[in-house]
């Protein structure tokens, strides 16, 4: 099967979220890679900064989870912001000058986004669309051969019966 051209690297869901513990509504930002990892479910290392109407996330790579149990899945980062203004300019900085920018507007219980200026980020403001498109967005990692279980050629020759 031919690999399809996958220009995006990250998916972002922005939606309202209610925090039961704090008893208030915030805005959830959930970022995940389109690449699915086979050994660990990594965390995306993000440094965020807010300056008036500007919210910027700078990517600093991936980090392995602290647990010892292996698992599969995409790398993720999520954060809920409370008391954001009615509109913010969201910028995701990948490396140096590579950026994705969008204008996000919050009204009532809906979130609207202008088109992203970069092809490496796909933005969703509807959780159903986010989940529905997961299959077409995410790249499933191909299984790799288990090299530890294959016998080396030399070992195979030693175990062959002599005639």
C-alpha atoms as a PDB file:
ATOM      1  CA  UNK A   1       0.000   0.000   0.000  1.00  0.00           C
ATOM      2  CA  UNK A   2       1.360   3.409  -0.975  1.00  0.00           C
ATOM      3  CA  UNK A   3       1.909   5.893   1.798  1.00  0.00           C
ATOM      4  CA  UNK A   4      -0.346   8.932   1.483  1.00  0.00           C
ATOM      5  CA  UNK A   5       1.118  12.421   1.525  1.00  0.00           C
ATOM      6  CA  UNK A   6       0.730  13.704   5.097  1.00  0.00           C
ATOM      7  CA  UNK A   7       1.567  17.401   5.340  1.00  0.00           C
ATOM      8  CA  UNK A   8       0.388  17.884   8.929  1.00  0.00           C
ATOM      9  CA  UNK A   9       2.452  16.898  11.949  1.00  0.00           C
ATOM     10  CA  UNK A  10       0.170  18.049  14.776  1.00  0.00           C
ATOM     11  CA  UNK A  11      -3.560  18.158  15.512  1.00  0.00           C
ATOM     12  CA  UNK A  12      -5.017  20.726  17.907  1.00  0.00           C
ATOM     13  CA  UNK A  13      -8.434  20.583  19.544  1.00  0.00           C
ATOM     14  CA  UNK A  14      -9.707  23.799  21.143  1.00  0.00           C
ATOM     15  CA  UNK A  15     -13.015  23.566  23.010  1.00  0.00           C
ATOM     16  CA  UNK A  16     -14.780  24.665  26.157  1.00  0.00           C
ATOM     17  CA  UNK A  17     -14.273  22.444  29.201  1.00  0.00           C
ATOM     18  CA  UNK A  18     -15.874  22.466  32.642  1.00  0.00           C
ATOM     19  CA  UNK A  19     -13.592  21.808  35.619  1.00  0.00           C
ATOM     20  CA  UNK A  20     -15.565  20.015  38.346  1.00  0.00           C
ATOM     21  CA  UNK A  21     -12.967  20.649  41.019  1.00  0.00           C
ATOM     22  CA  UNK A  22     -12.745  24.406  40.422  1.00  0.00           C
ATOM     23  CA  UNK A  23     -16.428  24.674  39.423  1.00  0.00           C
ATOM     24  CA  UNK A  24     -15.679  26.877  36.432  1.00  0.00           C
ATOM     25  CA  UNK A  25     -15.481  26.755  32.659  1.00  0.00           C
ATOM     26  CA  UNK A  26     -12.208  27.047  30.810  1.00  0.00           C
ATOM     27  CA  UNK A  27     -10.875  26.450  27.344  1.00  0.00           C
ATOM     28  CA  UNK A  28      -9.114  23.161  26.676  1.00  0.00           C
ATOM     29  CA  UNK A  29      -6.197  23.071  24.246  1.00  0.00           C
ATOM     30  CA  UNK A  30      -5.232  19.508  23.315  1.00  0.00           C
ATOM     31  CA  UNK A  31      -2.238  19.053  21.007  1.00  0.00           C
ATOM     32  CA  UNK A  32      -1.215  15.672  19.635  1.00  0.00           C
ATOM     33  CA  UNK A  33       1.172  14.375  17.024  1.00  0.00           C
ATOM     34  CA  UNK A  34      -0.187  12.673  13.922  1.00  0.00           C
ATOM     35  CA  UNK A  35       2.559  10.064  14.301  1.00  0.00           C
ATOM     36  CA  UNK A  36       1.551   7.153  16.469  1.00  0.00           C
ATOM     37  CA  UNK A  37       4.402   5.679  18.519  1.00  0.00           C
ATOM     38  CA  UNK A  38       4.697   1.938  19.143  1.00  0.00           C
ATOM     39  CA  UNK A  39       6.777   1.776  22.338  1.00  0.00           C
ATOM     40  CA  UNK A  40       5.609   4.671  24.478  1.00  0.00           C
ATOM     41  CA  UNK A  41       2.855   7.257  24.578  1.00  0.00           C
ATOM     42  CA  UNK A  42       5.143  10.269  24.730  1.00  0.00           C
ATOM     43  CA  UNK A  43       4.334  13.711  26.099  1.00  0.00           C
ATOM     44  CA  UNK A  44       4.944  16.792  23.969  1.00  0.00           C
ATOM     45  CA  UNK A  45       7.194  19.187  25.879  1.00  0.00           C
ATOM     46  CA  UNK A  46       5.632  22.642  25.487  1.00  0.00           C
ATOM     47  CA  UNK A  47       6.504  26.012  26.998  1.00  0.00           C
ATOM     48  CA  UNK A  48       3.521  28.331  26.934  1.00  0.00           C
ATOM     49  CA  UNK A  49       3.342  32.084  27.369  1.00  0.00           C
ATOM     50  CA  UNK A  50       0.392  34.464  27.462  1.00  0.00           C
ATOM     51  CA  UNK A  51       0.735  38.163  26.757  1.00  0.00           C
ATOM     52  CA  UNK A  52      -2.592  40.045  26.661  1.00  0.00           C
ATOM     53  CA  UNK A  53      -4.371  38.625  23.558  1.00  0.00           C
ATOM     54  CA  UNK A  54      -1.481  36.402  22.446  1.00  0.00           C
ATOM     55  CA  UNK A  55      -0.995  32.780  23.450  1.00  0.00           C
ATOM     56  CA  UNK A  56       2.195  31.136  22.251  1.00  0.00           C
ATOM     57  CA  UNK A  57       3.292  27.518  22.577  1.00  0.00           C
ATOM     58  CA  UNK A  58       6.900  26.640  21.817  1.00  0.00           C
ATOM     59  CA  UNK A  59       7.663  22.981  21.167  1.00  0.00           C
ATOM     60  CA  UNK A  60      10.732  21.539  22.908  1.00  0.00           C
ATOM     61  CA  UNK A  61      10.517  17.928  21.728  1.00  0.00           C
ATOM     62  CA  UNK A  62       9.049  14.790  23.274  1.00  0.00           C
ATOM     63  CA  UNK A  63       9.489  13.228  26.687  1.00  0.00           C
ATOM     64  CA  UNK A  64       8.996   9.635  27.676  1.00  0.00           C
ATOM     65  CA  UNK A  65       6.442   8.890  30.391  1.00  0.00           C
ATOM     66  CA  UNK A  66       7.666   8.133  33.899  1.00  0.00           C
ATOM     67  CA  UNK A  67       5.891   4.782  34.048  1.00  0.00           C
ATOM     68  CA  UNK A  68       7.638   1.556  33.057  1.00  0.00           C
ATOM     69  CA  UNK A  69       4.696   0.019  31.188  1.00  0.00           C
ATOM     70  CA  UNK A  70       5.027   0.343  27.416  1.00  0.00           C
ATOM     71  CA  UNK A  71       2.038   1.619  25.494  1.00  0.00           C
ATOM     72  CA  UNK A  72       1.224   2.916  22.038  1.00  0.00           C
ATOM     73  CA  UNK A  73      -0.357   6.107  20.823  1.00  0.00           C
ATOM     74  CA  UNK A  74       0.267   9.665  19.786  1.00  0.00           C
ATOM     75  CA  UNK A  75       2.312  12.141  21.804  1.00  0.00           C
ATOM     76  CA  UNK A  76       0.095  14.667  23.603  1.00  0.00           C
ATOM     77  CA  UNK A  77       0.018  17.899  25.559  1.00  0.00           C
ATOM     78  CA  UNK A  78      -3.074  19.496  27.037  1.00  0.00           C
ATOM     79  CA  UNK A  79      -3.840  22.519  29.131  1.00  0.00           C
ATOM     80  CA  UNK A  80      -6.995  24.299  30.253  1.00  0.00           C
ATOM     81  CA  UNK A  81      -6.934  28.098  30.358  1.00  0.00           C
ATOM     82  CA  UNK A  82      -9.348  30.112  32.460  1.00  0.00           C
ATOM     83  CA  UNK A  83     -10.235  33.772  31.900  1.00  0.00           C
ATOM     84  CA  UNK A  84      -8.914  34.073  28.347  1.00  0.00           C
ATOM     85  CA  UNK A  85     -10.133  37.147  26.442  1.00  0.00           C
ATOM     86  CA  UNK A  86     -12.926  36.735  23.830  1.00  0.00           C
ATOM     87  CA  UNK A  87     -10.299  36.319  21.102  1.00  0.00           C
ATOM     88  CA  UNK A  88      -6.624  35.369  21.117  1.00  0.00           C
ATOM     89  CA  UNK A  89      -3.904  34.949  18.542  1.00  0.00           C
ATOM     90  CA  UNK A  90      -2.572  31.413  19.010  1.00  0.00           C
ATOM     91  CA  UNK A  91       0.942  30.673  17.756  1.00  0.00           C
ATOM     92  CA  UNK A  92       2.606  27.256  17.724  1.00  0.00           C
ATOM     93  CA  UNK A  93       6.365  27.528  17.248  1.00  0.00           C
ATOM     94  CA  UNK A  94       8.014  24.354  16.028  1.00  0.00           C
ATOM     95  CA  UNK A  95      11.674  25.233  15.415  1.00  0.00           C
ATOM     96  CA  UNK A  96      13.000  28.761  15.365  1.00  0.00           C
ATOM     97  CA  UNK A  97      10.964  30.557  12.746  1.00  0.00           C
ATOM     98  CA  UNK A  98       8.613  27.712  11.736  1.00  0.00           C
ATOM     99  CA  UNK A  99       5.235  28.799  13.094  1.00  0.00           C
ATOM    100  CA  UNK A 100       1.543  28.103  12.764  1.00  0.00           C
ATOM    101  CA  UNK A 101      -0.732  31.007  13.682  1.00  0.00           C
ATOM    102  CA  UNK A 102      -4.475  31.356  13.978  1.00  0.00           C
ATOM    103  CA  UNK A 103      -7.001  33.729  15.481  1.00  0.00           C
ATOM    104  CA  UNK A 104      -9.315  32.007  17.998  1.00  0.00           C
ATOM    105  CA  UNK A 105     -12.648  33.524  19.039  1.00  0.00           C
ATOM    106  CA  UNK A 106     -14.682  32.341  22.030  1.00  0.00           C
ATOM    107  CA  UNK A 107     -18.378  33.140  22.338  1.00  0.00           C
ATOM    108  CA  UNK A 108     -20.977  31.430  24.499  1.00  0.00           C
ATOM    109  CA  UNK A 109     -20.081  27.757  24.185  1.00  0.00           C
ATOM    110  CA  UNK A 110     -18.493  27.848  20.729  1.00  0.00           C
ATOM    111  CA  UNK A 111     -14.957  28.317  19.489  1.00  0.00           C
ATOM    112  CA  UNK A 112     -14.090  29.647  16.028  1.00  0.00           C
ATOM    113  CA  UNK A 113     -10.718  29.572  14.331  1.00  0.00           C
ATOM    114  CA  UNK A 114      -9.346  31.398  11.318  1.00  0.00           C
ATOM    115  CA  UNK A 115      -7.357  29.317   8.853  1.00  0.00           C
ATOM    116  CA  UNK A 116      -3.891  28.337  10.071  1.00  0.00           C
ATOM    117  CA  UNK A 117      -1.002  29.912   8.193  1.00  0.00           C
ATOM    118  CA  UNK A 118       0.989  26.669   8.284  1.00  0.00           C
ATOM    119  CA  UNK A 119       0.440  23.199   6.872  1.00  0.00           C
ATOM    120  CA  UNK A 120       2.018  21.389   9.849  1.00  0.00           C
ATOM    121  CA  UNK A 121      -0.936  22.076  12.203  1.00  0.00           C
ATOM    122  CA  UNK A 122      -4.578  21.088  11.768  1.00  0.00           C
ATOM    123  CA  UNK A 123      -7.015  22.859  14.100  1.00  0.00           C
ATOM    124  CA  UNK A 124     -10.356  21.515  15.302  1.00  0.00           C
ATOM    125  CA  UNK A 125     -12.960  23.370  17.354  1.00  0.00           C
ATOM    126  CA  UNK A 126     -15.431  20.473  17.430  1.00  0.00           C
ATOM    127  CA  UNK A 127     -14.580  17.336  19.422  1.00  0.00           C
ATOM    128  CA  UNK A 128     -16.752  15.080  17.231  1.00  0.00           C
ATOM    129  CA  UNK A 129     -14.896  16.198  14.075  1.00  0.00           C
ATOM    130  CA  UNK A 130     -11.588  15.789  15.915  1.00  0.00           C
ATOM    131  CA  UNK A 131     -12.381  12.170  16.796  1.00  0.00           C
ATOM    132  CA  UNK A 132     -14.041  11.367  13.465  1.00  0.00           C
ATOM    133  CA  UNK A 133     -10.988  12.540  11.484  1.00  0.00           C
ATOM    134  CA  UNK A 134      -8.458  10.778  13.719  1.00  0.00           C
ATOM    135  CA  UNK A 135      -8.225   7.801  11.348  1.00  0.00           C
ATOM    136  CA  UNK A 136      -7.443   9.955   8.317  1.00  0.00           C
ATOM    137  CA  UNK A 137      -5.099  12.328  10.202  1.00  0.00           C
ATOM    138  CA  UNK A 138      -2.991   9.898  12.240  1.00  0.00           C
ATOM    139  CA  UNK A 139      -0.107   7.913  10.774  1.00  0.00           C
ATOM    140  CA  UNK A 140      -0.100   4.379  12.159  1.00  0.00           C
ATOM    141  CA  UNK A 141       3.455   3.211  12.749  1.00  0.00           C
ATOM    142  CA  UNK A 142       4.453   0.193  10.714  1.00  0.00           C
ATOM    143  CA  UNK A 143       5.564  -2.786  12.790  1.00  0.00           C
ATOM    144  CA  UNK A 144       9.300  -3.255  12.796  1.00  0.00           C
ATOM    145  CA  UNK A 145      10.927  -6.683  12.654  1.00  0.00           C
ATOM    146  CA  UNK A 146      11.968  -8.076  16.013  1.00  0.00           C
ATOM    147  CA  UNK A 147      15.701  -8.372  15.418  1.00  0.00           C
ATOM    148  CA  UNK A 148      16.350  -9.811  18.879  1.00  0.00           C
ATOM    149  CA  UNK A 149      14.382 -12.959  18.093  1.00  0.00           C
ATOM    150  CA  UNK A 150      15.950 -13.702  14.744  1.00  0.00           C
ATOM    151  CA  UNK A 151      18.965 -15.975  14.944  1.00  0.00           C
ATOM    152  CA  UNK A 152      22.102 -14.590  13.362  1.00  0.00           C
ATOM    153  CA  UNK A 153      23.361 -16.425  10.282  1.00  0.00           C
ATOM    154  CA  UNK A 154      26.393 -17.738  12.192  1.00  0.00           C
ATOM    155  CA  UNK A 155      24.207 -19.230  14.914  1.00  0.00           C
ATOM    156  CA  UNK A 156      21.975 -20.904  12.335  1.00  0.00           C
ATOM    157  CA  UNK A 157      25.008 -22.581  10.757  1.00  0.00           C
ATOM    158  CA  UNK A 158      26.189 -23.938  14.122  1.00  0.00           C
ATOM    159  CA  UNK A 159      22.877 -25.625  14.804  1.00  0.00           C
ATOM    160  CA  UNK A 160      22.572 -27.305  11.416  1.00  0.00           C
ATOM    161  CA  UNK A 161      23.112 -31.077  11.477  1.00  0.00           C
ATOM    162  CA  UNK A 162      26.301 -32.331   9.919  1.00  0.00           C
ATOM    163  CA  UNK A 163      25.875 -34.920   7.189  1.00  0.00           C
END
